[in-house]
C-alpha cells in the first residue's frame, strides 16, 4: 500500500506499455532465467578456487586478491538500482539481453587479460552486466508464470539454482583451474553467456515497460554512493574514511532526491514493507556469511591442507548439494506451512552455526571432521533462506515495481558479498597468525548471522 501511494502520481501519469503475451514455452523461459541467474551468481564464485593461481600469476597477496571478487561485487551492487529502474521503464527483455551481452564480452576480455588492471576492469564490467540482467530476470519470472502453484514452483527452481550457483561455481572453478588453468574459468562464462543469449528471444516475452524516465541525478548519486560505500569498507587508513565520508554524502543526496522526484530510481516506500526489510537483512547476512566462508575456503584448503585447486573445489560439493536439495525439495513445501520470516530466521541460524563450526579447523585438519560438517549445515541454511528471502522481497510490492524490488534484494546480497566480506578480510588481517585470523573472521560472520536471525524472529512476533 505504501509503495502504491508513493508512486501513484508517476504511474497514473505515465501509463503502461502493453506487454507481449507470456511465453508459450515456460520450461525454456525458466531455463533461460535460471541460466542467467547462475551466470550472475557464479560470476562471483567461479574465480574463488582459482584465487591462489591468480595471485601467483600476478604476484598478489590475500588483501589484493580480495579485489578479484570485490571488483565484480562493487559494480554489481552499485548499478543494481539503475538496472532495476531501466528494466521497469525500457522493457525487461531488452535490458536483460543487454546485461547478459555485457557480462559475456567482459568475461572474454578477462580471459585474455595480460595484467591485473585489465582483469579487475573486466570483472567490474561483468558486475555492471549482472546488475542489468538480474532485476530484469526476476521481473520476467513473475510475468511468465501466473500467481499460484506454477509461480511457486518456478520460484523454487529459480532460487535453488541461485542458491547453489555460488558454491557450484567454486567447484567448477576448481576443476577448470586444475586441468585447464584459471583463464578457462572465464572462458566458461563466455560460453554460458552465449548460450543464454541464444535462447532468450525464443524463451522470454518482451516484458512490461512503463512510460517514464530514468532519474539521472538519483541514478548518479545512488550508484556513486553505493560504489564508494563498498570501496571505503574494502580499504583501510585515512583513504578509507575519506571514501566513506563521500559515500555518506552521496547517499544522503540520493535519499533527498528520491523523496522529491516523481520517477524515483528507488521508491523509498519499499522499505515501509516489513517483508522487504526482513528479506534485505537476510540477503546481506547470508552473503556475508556464505561468501566469506567460501572466500577463505581455498586459502585454507590449498594453503594449509595442501589441496590442489581441483581438490579444494571438490571439497565444496557437500555444500552445493545441501543448498540445491534443501531449496528444491524442502523449502517450497515449508513455505506453504510457514511464513518466509520463520524460514529466513532458521536459515540464518544454520548459516551462522555452519560458519562457526570452522572455528575448530586446525593447521593440519581432517576434511571429514573439521571441514565438511560446517559446509553441510551452512548449505542447508542457505537452501532455506534464499527462496524465502526471494519470495519476501516481492511481498506486497506492485507488479510494475518487481524489477526494482528485486534489485533491492540482489543489491543487499552483493553488498554482503563485497562490503561484508571486506570487513571479514580486515578482521582476519588483524591477527598476526594467519589461521587465527581466519577463525576471527568465522566468528564475526557466525555472530552476525545469529543476531540477524534474532532480529527477524523478534520483529515477526512484534
Protein backbone atom coordinates (compact mmCIF):
# COMPACT_ATOMS: atom_id res chain seq x y z
CA UNK A 1 0.00 0.00 0.00
CA UNK A 2 2.80 2.40 0.89
CA UNK A 3 4.56 1.79 -2.37
CA UNK A 4 1.38 2.28 -4.34
CA UNK A 5 0.68 5.59 -2.61
CA UNK A 6 4.23 6.78 -3.11
CA UNK A 7 4.18 6.06 -6.81
CA UNK A 8 0.56 6.77 -7.67
CA UNK A 9 1.32 10.05 -9.40
CA UNK A 10 4.03 8.68 -11.64
CA UNK A 11 2.13 5.51 -12.53
CA UNK A 12 -1.09 7.32 -13.23
CA UNK A 13 0.54 9.89 -15.48
CA UNK A 14 2.96 7.57 -17.18
CA UNK A 15 0.78 4.67 -18.16
CA UNK A 16 1.94 1.17 -19.03
CA UNK A 17 3.30 -0.15 -22.29
CA UNK A 18 1.39 -3.18 -23.47
CA UNK A 19 3.41 -6.33 -22.88
CA UNK A 20 3.81 -9.18 -25.26
CA UNK A 21 1.88 -12.33 -24.44
CA UNK A 22 3.56 -14.55 -21.86
CA UNK A 23 5.99 -17.15 -23.10
CA UNK A 24 4.36 -20.19 -24.62
CA UNK A 25 7.42 -22.21 -23.64
CA UNK A 26 7.59 -21.73 -19.87
CA UNK A 27 10.15 -24.51 -19.43
CA UNK A 28 12.56 -22.77 -21.79
CA UNK A 29 11.83 -19.42 -20.16
CA UNK A 30 12.66 -20.81 -16.72
CA UNK A 31 15.82 -22.37 -18.11
CA UNK A 32 16.94 -19.05 -19.62
CA UNK A 33 16.23 -17.08 -16.44
CA UNK A 34 17.83 -19.69 -14.17
CA UNK A 35 20.81 -19.83 -16.52
CA UNK A 36 21.23 -16.07 -16.31
CA UNK A 37 21.00 -16.22 -12.52
CA UNK A 38 23.62 -18.97 -12.46
CA UNK A 39 25.80 -16.77 -14.68
CA UNK A 40 25.47 -13.79 -12.33
CA UNK A 41 25.89 -15.65 -9.04
CA UNK A 42 28.66 -17.98 -10.22
CA UNK A 43 30.39 -14.91 -11.62
CA UNK A 44 31.23 -14.08 -8.02
CA UNK A 45 32.31 -17.58 -7.01
CA UNK A 46 33.74 -19.15 -10.14
CA UNK A 47 37.13 -17.48 -9.66
CA UNK A 48 37.18 -18.30 -5.95
CA UNK A 49 39.01 -21.61 -6.26
CA UNK A 50 41.33 -20.00 -8.80
CA UNK A 51 42.38 -17.19 -6.44
CA UNK A 52 45.69 -18.78 -5.41
CA UNK A 53 46.56 -19.34 -9.09
CA UNK A 54 45.59 -15.76 -9.97
CA UNK A 55 47.63 -14.49 -7.04
CA UNK A 56 50.67 -16.46 -8.19
CA UNK A 57 50.31 -15.26 -11.80
CA UNK A 58 50.03 -11.57 -10.87
CA UNK A 59 52.00 -11.64 -7.57
CA UNK A 60 49.06 -10.62 -5.34
CA UNK A 61 48.68 -11.12 -1.58
CA UNK A 62 45.40 -12.02 0.16
CA UNK A 63 44.30 -8.39 0.56
CA UNK A 64 44.87 -7.65 -3.12
CA UNK A 65 43.26 -10.95 -4.18
CA UNK A 66 40.07 -9.84 -2.46
CA UNK A 67 39.61 -7.30 -5.28
CA UNK A 68 39.29 -10.03 -7.91
CA UNK A 69 35.97 -10.82 -6.22
CA UNK A 70 35.20 -7.37 -4.85
CA UNK A 71 35.60 -5.54 -8.19
CA UNK A 72 32.72 -7.63 -9.51
CA UNK A 73 30.58 -7.27 -6.41
CA UNK A 74 31.15 -3.49 -6.12
CA UNK A 75 29.74 -2.67 -9.55
CA UNK A 76 27.07 -5.35 -9.27
CA UNK A 77 25.78 -3.72 -6.08
CA UNK A 78 26.34 -0.15 -7.25
CA UNK A 79 24.42 -0.41 -10.53
CA UNK A 80 21.53 -2.64 -9.43
CA UNK A 81 19.08 0.18 -8.73
CA UNK A 82 19.75 1.65 -12.16
CA UNK A 83 19.35 -1.80 -13.70
CA UNK A 84 16.01 -2.33 -11.96
CA UNK A 85 14.65 1.05 -12.98
CA UNK A 86 15.79 0.66 -16.60
CA UNK A 87 14.09 -2.72 -16.78
CA UNK A 88 10.83 -1.27 -15.45
CA UNK A 89 10.96 1.67 -17.91
CA UNK A 90 12.52 0.28 -21.09
CA UNK A 91 11.24 -3.29 -21.02
CA UNK A 92 12.62 -6.24 -19.16
CA UNK A 93 13.81 -8.45 -22.03
CA UNK A 94 15.86 -5.82 -23.82
CA UNK A 95 17.62 -4.78 -20.58
CA UNK A 96 18.10 -8.47 -19.73
CA UNK A 97 19.74 -9.11 -23.11
CA UNK A 98 21.97 -6.04 -22.80
CA UNK A 99 23.16 -7.16 -19.38
CA UNK A 100 23.96 -10.72 -20.44
CA UNK A 101 25.78 -9.43 -23.53
CA UNK A 102 27.93 -7.02 -21.48
CA UNK A 103 28.70 -9.77 -18.96
CA UNK A 104 29.78 -12.13 -21.75
CA UNK A 105 32.02 -9.64 -23.57
CA UNK A 106 33.63 -8.64 -20.27
CA UNK A 107 34.33 -12.28 -19.42
CA UNK A 108 36.08 -12.61 -22.77
CA UNK A 109 38.27 -9.58 -22.00
CA UNK A 110 39.09 -11.02 -18.58
CA UNK A 111 40.04 -14.36 -20.10
CA UNK A 112 42.60 -12.53 -22.27
CA UNK A 113 43.79 -10.11 -19.56
CA UNK A 114 47.56 -9.52 -19.68
CA UNK A 115 47.76 -7.85 -16.26
CA UNK A 116 45.89 -7.16 -13.03
CA UNK A 117 44.40 -3.85 -14.16
CA UNK A 118 42.70 -5.36 -17.21
CA UNK A 119 41.44 -8.33 -15.18
CA UNK A 120 39.94 -6.08 -12.49
CA UNK A 121 38.41 -3.78 -15.12
CA UNK A 122 36.82 -6.74 -16.85
CA UNK A 123 35.47 -8.03 -13.55
CA UNK A 124 33.96 -4.61 -12.80
CA UNK A 125 32.27 -4.54 -16.23
CA UNK A 126 30.91 -8.05 -15.60
CA UNK A 127 29.32 -6.69 -12.43
CA UNK A 128 27.53 -3.96 -14.40
CA UNK A 129 26.21 -6.57 -16.83
CA UNK A 130 24.90 -8.67 -13.96
CA UNK A 131 23.28 -5.57 -12.42
CA UNK A 132 21.32 -5.04 -15.65
CA UNK A 133 20.21 -8.64 -16.17
CA UNK A 134 19.49 -9.67 -12.57
CA UNK A 135 16.49 -7.42 -11.70
CA UNK A 136 15.02 -7.87 -15.20
CA UNK A 137 15.21 -11.67 -14.83
CA UNK A 138 13.28 -11.67 -11.57
CA UNK A 139 10.57 -9.42 -13.03
CA UNK A 140 10.33 -11.59 -16.16
CA UNK A 141 9.82 -14.61 -13.92
CA UNK A 142 6.72 -13.07 -12.36
CA UNK A 143 5.42 -12.10 -15.81
CA UNK A 144 5.98 -15.52 -17.34
CA UNK A 145 4.41 -17.56 -14.53
CA UNK A 146 0.99 -16.59 -13.16
CA UNK A 147 0.48 -16.32 -9.41
CA UNK A 148 -0.23 -19.69 -7.82
CA UNK A 149 1.38 -23.14 -7.91
CA UNK A 150 3.15 -22.54 -11.24
CA UNK A 151 4.89 -19.42 -9.94
CA UNK A 152 5.71 -21.04 -6.60
CA UNK A 153 7.34 -23.97 -8.37
CA UNK A 154 9.23 -21.62 -10.70
CA UNK A 155 10.47 -19.63 -7.71
CA UNK A 156 11.67 -22.82 -6.02
CA UNK A 157 13.67 -23.92 -9.08
CA UNK A 158 15.00 -20.40 -9.70
CA UNK A 159 16.01 -19.98 -6.07
CA UNK A 160 17.56 -23.46 -5.91
CA UNK A 161 19.75 -22.67 -8.91
CA UNK A 162 20.68 -19.28 -7.46
CA UNK A 163 21.44 -20.63 -4.01
CA UNK A 164 23.62 -23.44 -5.38
CA UNK A 165 25.37 -21.40 -8.05
CA UNK A 166 27.99 -19.78 -5.88
CA UNK A 167 29.31 -22.95 -4.27
CA UNK A 168 28.78 -24.78 -7.56
CA UNK A 169 30.80 -22.08 -9.28
CA UNK A 170 33.60 -22.58 -6.78
CA UNK A 171 33.58 -26.31 -7.57
CA UNK A 172 33.60 -25.71 -11.31
CA UNK A 173 36.33 -23.13 -10.94
CA UNK A 174 38.48 -25.64 -9.10
CA UNK A 175 38.01 -28.30 -11.77
CA UNK A 176 38.74 -25.92 -14.63
CA UNK A 177 41.72 -24.33 -12.89
CA UNK A 178 43.25 -27.70 -12.12
CA UNK A 179 43.06 -29.06 -15.65
CA UNK A 180 42.90 -26.02 -17.95
CA UNK A 181 44.25 -23.08 -15.93
CA UNK A 182 42.47 -20.16 -14.29
CA UNK A 183 41.66 -18.40 -17.59
CA UNK A 184 39.41 -21.30 -18.57
CA UNK A 185 37.08 -20.25 -15.76
CA UNK A 186 36.28 -17.03 -17.60
CA UNK A 187 36.05 -18.84 -20.94
CA UNK A 188 33.30 -20.97 -19.41
CA UNK A 189 31.40 -17.79 -18.50
CA UNK A 190 31.69 -16.70 -22.14
CA UNK A 191 30.17 -19.98 -23.36
CA UNK A 192 27.35 -19.92 -20.81
CA UNK A 193 26.57 -16.29 -21.64
CA UNK A 194 26.36 -17.08 -25.34
CA UNK A 195 24.02 -20.00 -24.63
CA UNK A 196 21.69 -17.79 -22.56
CA UNK A 197 21.64 -15.11 -25.26
CA UNK A 198 20.90 -17.68 -27.98
CA UNK A 199 17.78 -18.90 -26.16
CA UNK A 200 16.49 -15.54 -24.90
CA UNK A 201 14.31 -14.48 -27.83
CA UNK A 202 12.69 -17.89 -28.16
CA UNK A 203 12.06 -18.33 -24.44
CA UNK A 204 11.14 -14.95 -22.99
CA UNK A 205 8.33 -12.45 -23.52
CA UNK A 206 9.37 -8.88 -24.22
CA UNK A 207 8.37 -7.81 -20.74
CA UNK A 208 6.29 -4.97 -19.40
CA UNK A 209 7.59 -1.44 -19.90
CA UNK A 210 6.23 1.64 -18.12
CA UNK A 211 6.45 5.01 -19.79
CA UNK A 212 8.64 7.15 -17.64
CA UNK A 213 12.18 8.39 -17.37
CA UNK A 214 15.36 7.48 -15.60
CA UNK A 215 16.02 9.94 -12.81
CA UNK A 216 19.60 10.78 -13.79
CA UNK A 217 20.59 12.74 -10.64
CA UNK A 218 19.19 9.94 -8.49
CA UNK A 219 20.93 7.29 -10.59
CA UNK A 220 24.29 9.07 -10.33
CA UNK A 221 24.17 9.78 -6.60
CA UNK A 222 22.78 6.33 -5.74
CA UNK A 223 25.25 4.41 -7.87
CA UNK A 224 28.20 6.52 -6.75
CA UNK A 225 27.17 6.30 -3.10
CA UNK A 226 26.83 2.51 -3.10
CA UNK A 227 30.07 2.06 -5.01
CA UNK A 228 32.01 4.35 -2.68
CA UNK A 229 30.49 2.63 0.35
CA UNK A 230 31.80 -0.77 -0.74
CA UNK A 231 35.19 0.65 -1.78
CA UNK A 232 35.53 2.51 1.51
CA UNK A 233 34.87 -0.60 3.57
CA UNK A 234 37.29 -2.56 1.38
CA UNK A 235 40.23 -0.21 2.00
CA UNK A 236 41.99 0.96 5.15
CA UNK A 237 43.73 4.01 6.57
CA UNK A 238 42.83 7.66 6.06
CA UNK A 239 41.71 6.99 2.49
CA UNK A 240 39.01 4.64 3.76
CA UNK A 241 37.44 7.35 5.95
CA UNK A 242 37.55 9.88 3.12
CA UNK A 243 35.82 7.47 0.74
CA UNK A 244 33.22 6.54 3.36
CA UNK A 245 32.52 10.21 4.01
CA UNK A 246 31.94 10.79 0.30
CA UNK A 247 29.67 7.72 0.22
CA UNK A 248 27.54 9.06 3.07
CA UNK A 249 27.22 12.43 1.33
CA UNK A 250 26.18 10.84 -1.98
CA UNK A 251 23.65 8.55 -0.29
CA UNK A 252 22.17 11.46 1.66
CA UNK A 253 21.75 13.42 -1.58
CA UNK A 254 20.23 10.31 -3.15
CA UNK A 255 17.60 9.97 -0.40
CA UNK A 256 16.70 13.66 -0.65
CA UNK A 257 16.34 13.34 -4.43
CA UNK A 258 14.20 10.22 -4.21
CA UNK A 259 11.82 11.94 -1.79
CA UNK A 260 11.23 14.77 -4.25
CA UNK A 261 11.13 13.20 -7.71
CA UNK A 262 8.03 11.76 -9.36
CA UNK A 263 10.04 8.96 -11.05
CA UNK A 264 12.41 7.64 -8.37
CA UNK A 265 15.14 5.13 -9.10
CA UNK A 266 14.27 3.61 -5.73
CA UNK A 267 10.73 4.11 -4.36
CA UNK A 268 11.61 4.60 -0.69
CA UNK A 269 8.18 3.30 0.29
CA UNK A 270 9.51 -0.20 -0.38
CA UNK A 271 11.26 -0.06 2.97
CA UNK A 272 7.98 0.56 4.76
CA UNK A 273 7.11 -3.02 3.85
CA UNK A 274 8.24 -5.33 6.68
CA UNK A 275 8.88 -8.36 4.39
CA UNK A 276 11.18 -6.25 2.19
CA UNK A 277 13.18 -5.09 5.20
CA UNK A 278 13.50 -8.64 6.55
CA UNK A 279 14.48 -10.02 3.14
CA UNK A 280 17.14 -7.31 2.75
CA UNK A 281 18.69 -8.14 6.11
CA UNK A 282 18.60 -11.87 5.36
CA UNK A 283 20.19 -11.34 1.94
CA UNK A 284 23.03 -9.23 3.35
CA UNK A 285 23.84 -11.69 6.13
CA UNK A 286 23.61 -14.83 4.00
CA UNK A 287 26.10 -13.46 1.51
CA UNK A 288 28.40 -12.10 4.19
CA UNK A 289 28.47 -15.47 5.91
CA UNK A 290 28.47 -17.88 2.99
CA UNK A 291 30.68 -15.89 0.61
CA UNK A 292 33.04 -15.08 3.47
CA UNK A 293 33.29 -18.76 4.35
CA UNK A 294 33.95 -19.69 0.74
CA UNK A 295 36.47 -16.86 0.27
CA UNK A 296 38.66 -18.36 2.98
CA UNK A 297 37.98 -21.99 1.96
CA UNK A 298 40.54 -22.28 -0.89
CA UNK A 299 43.09 -20.25 1.09
CA UNK A 300 42.79 -22.75 3.94
CA UNK A 301 42.40 -25.91 1.87
CA UNK A 302 45.14 -25.11 -0.63
CA UNK A 303 47.42 -23.05 1.61
CA UNK A 304 47.34 -25.18 4.78
CA UNK A 305 45.97 -28.61 3.84
CA UNK A 306 47.84 -28.55 0.50
CA UNK A 307 44.83 -29.40 -1.66
CA UNK A 308 45.04 -28.84 -5.39
CA UNK A 309 42.55 -26.39 -6.96
CA UNK A 310 40.52 -29.38 -8.18
CA UNK A 311 40.51 -30.98 -4.73
CA UNK A 312 39.52 -27.75 -2.99
CA UNK A 313 36.67 -27.28 -5.45
CA UNK A 314 35.57 -30.89 -5.00
CA UNK A 315 35.66 -30.37 -1.24
CA UNK A 316 32.76 -27.91 -1.56
CA UNK A 317 30.40 -30.37 -3.26
CA UNK A 318 28.55 -31.17 0.01
CA UNK A 319 27.58 -27.50 0.37
CA UNK A 320 26.32 -27.33 -3.22
CA UNK A 321 24.27 -30.48 -2.77
CA UNK A 322 22.85 -29.34 0.56
CA UNK A 323 21.82 -25.98 -0.90
CA UNK A 324 20.23 -27.45 -4.02
CA UNK A 325 18.39 -30.31 -2.32
CA UNK A 326 17.07 -28.14 0.51
CA UNK A 327 15.90 -25.31 -1.74
CA UNK A 328 14.41 -27.53 -4.43
CA UNK A 329 12.76 -30.27 -2.39
CA UNK A 330 12.11 -28.89 1.09
CA UNK A 331 11.77 -25.12 1.18
CA UNK A 332 8.87 -24.92 -1.31
CA UNK A 333 6.80 -27.26 0.87
CA UNK A 334 7.82 -25.47 4.06
CA UNK A 335 6.79 -22.10 2.61
CA UNK A 336 3.26 -23.49 2.26
CA UNK A 337 3.20 -24.07 6.03
CA UNK A 338 5.44 -21.38 7.50
CA UNK A 339 5.94 -17.68 6.89
CA UNK A 340 9.09 -16.69 4.96
CA UNK A 341 10.33 -14.83 8.05
CA UNK A 342 10.41 -18.08 10.03
CA UNK A 343 12.45 -19.88 7.40
CA UNK A 344 14.77 -16.89 6.99
CA UNK A 345 15.48 -16.87 10.72
CA UNK A 346 16.13 -20.62 10.85
CA UNK A 347 18.25 -20.44 7.72
CA UNK A 348 20.44 -17.67 9.12
CA UNK A 349 20.97 -19.57 12.37
CA UNK A 350 22.13 -22.60 10.38
CA UNK A 351 24.45 -20.46 8.23
CA UNK A 352 25.90 -19.00 11.43
CA UNK A 353 26.33 -22.42 13.02
CA UNK A 354 27.90 -23.86 9.87
CA UNK A 355 30.38 -21.00 9.67
CA UNK A 356 31.05 -21.23 13.39
CA UNK A 357 31.93 -24.91 13.09
CA UNK A 358 35.02 -23.85 11.16
CA UNK A 359 36.37 -22.28 14.33
CA UNK A 360 37.75 -25.77 15.02
CA UNK A 361 39.81 -26.02 11.81
CA UNK A 362 43.46 -26.73 12.77
CA UNK A 363 46.62 -26.30 10.73
CA UNK A 364 46.57 -29.97 9.71
CA UNK A 365 42.82 -30.58 9.91
CA UNK A 366 40.72 -33.51 8.75
CA UNK A 367 38.24 -32.84 5.97
CA UNK A 368 35.52 -35.14 7.35
CA UNK A 369 35.89 -33.90 10.92
CA UNK A 370 36.69 -30.21 10.56
CA UNK A 371 35.53 -29.02 7.11
CA UNK A 372 32.55 -30.96 5.78
CA UNK A 373 30.12 -30.59 8.74
CA UNK A 374 30.23 -26.80 8.53
CA UNK A 375 29.68 -26.91 4.77
CA UNK A 376 26.59 -29.12 5.07
CA UNK A 377 24.98 -27.16 7.89
CA UNK A 378 25.63 -23.84 6.16
CA UNK A 379 24.32 -25.26 2.87
CA UNK A 380 21.04 -26.32 4.46
CA UNK A 381 20.68 -22.83 5.91
CA UNK A 382 21.29 -21.22 2.53
CA UNK A 383 18.75 -23.53 0.92
CA UNK A 384 16.13 -22.42 3.45
CA UNK A 385 16.97 -18.72 3.38
CA UNK A 386 17.44 -17.98 -0.32
CA UNK A 387 13.97 -18.97 -1.62
CA UNK A 388 12.32 -17.43 1.44
CA UNK A 389 14.05 -14.07 1.07
CA UNK A 390 13.38 -14.07 -2.69
CA UNK A 391 9.66 -14.53 -2.04
CA UNK A 392 9.58 -11.98 0.78
CA UNK A 393 11.43 -9.39 -1.33
CA UNK A 394 8.39 -9.07 -3.63
CA UNK A 395 5.70 -9.49 -0.98
CA UNK A 396 3.24 -6.59 -1.09
CA UNK A 397 5.10 -4.89 -3.95
CA UNK A 398 3.01 -3.84 -7.01
CA UNK A 399 3.93 -5.91 -10.07
CA UNK A 400 5.13 -2.87 -12.01
CA UNK A 401 7.80 -2.42 -9.31
CA UNK A 402 9.03 -6.02 -9.22
CA UNK A 403 12.26 -5.29 -11.12
CA UNK A 404 13.37 -2.55 -8.75
CA UNK A 405 12.22 -4.56 -5.70
CA UNK A 406 14.27 -7.47 -6.96
CA UNK A 407 17.17 -5.08 -7.48
CA UNK A 408 16.98 -4.02 -3.83
CA UNK A 409 17.29 -7.63 -2.67
CA UNK A 410 20.11 -8.51 -5.06
CA UNK A 411 21.83 -5.23 -4.10
CA UNK A 412 21.88 -6.22 -0.42
CA UNK A 413 23.23 -9.64 -1.42
CA UNK A 414 26.11 -8.02 -3.27
CA UNK A 415 26.82 -5.52 -0.51
CA UNK A 416 27.14 -8.52 1.80
CA UNK A 417 29.38 -10.28 -0.72
CA UNK A 418 31.60 -7.22 -1.13
CA UNK A 419 31.49 -4.92 1.88
CA UNK A 420 30.63 -7.75 4.30
CA UNK A 421 33.44 -9.96 3.06
CA UNK A 422 35.83 -6.99 3.02
CA UNK A 423 35.11 -6.49 6.72
CA UNK A 424 35.83 -10.17 7.37
CA UNK A 425 39.14 -9.85 5.49
CA UNK A 426 40.05 -6.86 7.66
CA UNK A 427 39.11 -8.84 10.78
CA UNK A 428 41.32 -11.72 9.65
CA UNK A 429 44.19 -9.34 8.90
CA UNK A 430 44.05 -8.10 12.49
CA UNK A 431 45.80 -11.26 13.71
CA UNK A 432 49.47 -11.94 13.13
CA UNK A 433 48.72 -15.65 12.91
CA UNK A 434 47.03 -16.46 9.60
CA UNK A 435 44.84 -19.32 10.84
CA UNK A 436 43.82 -17.40 13.95
CA UNK A 437 42.79 -14.55 11.65
CA UNK A 438 40.58 -16.91 9.68
CA UNK A 439 38.97 -18.06 12.93
CA UNK A 440 38.24 -14.47 13.96
CA UNK A 441 36.52 -13.91 10.60
CA UNK A 442 34.41 -17.08 11.01
CA UNK A 443 33.39 -15.96 14.49
CA UNK A 444 32.37 -12.49 13.30
CA UNK A 445 30.29 -13.94 10.45
CA UNK A 446 28.62 -16.50 12.70
CA UNK A 447 27.67 -13.95 15.35
CA UNK A 448 26.28 -11.55 12.73
CA UNK A 449 24.08 -14.27 11.18
CA UNK A 450 22.68 -15.43 14.51
CA UNK A 451 21.98 -11.86 15.68
CA UNK A 452 20.25 -11.15 12.38
CA UNK A 453 18.07 -14.23 12.84
CA UNK A 454 17.08 -12.98 16.29
CA UNK A 455 16.12 -9.57 14.87
CA UNK A 456 13.96 -11.18 12.17
CA UNK A 457 12.29 -13.55 14.65
CA UNK A 458 11.57 -10.83 17.20
CA UNK A 459 10.17 -8.47 14.57
CA UNK A 460 7.91 -11.29 13.38
CA UNK A 461 6.35 -11.53 16.80
CA UNK A 462 6.06 -7.74 17.19
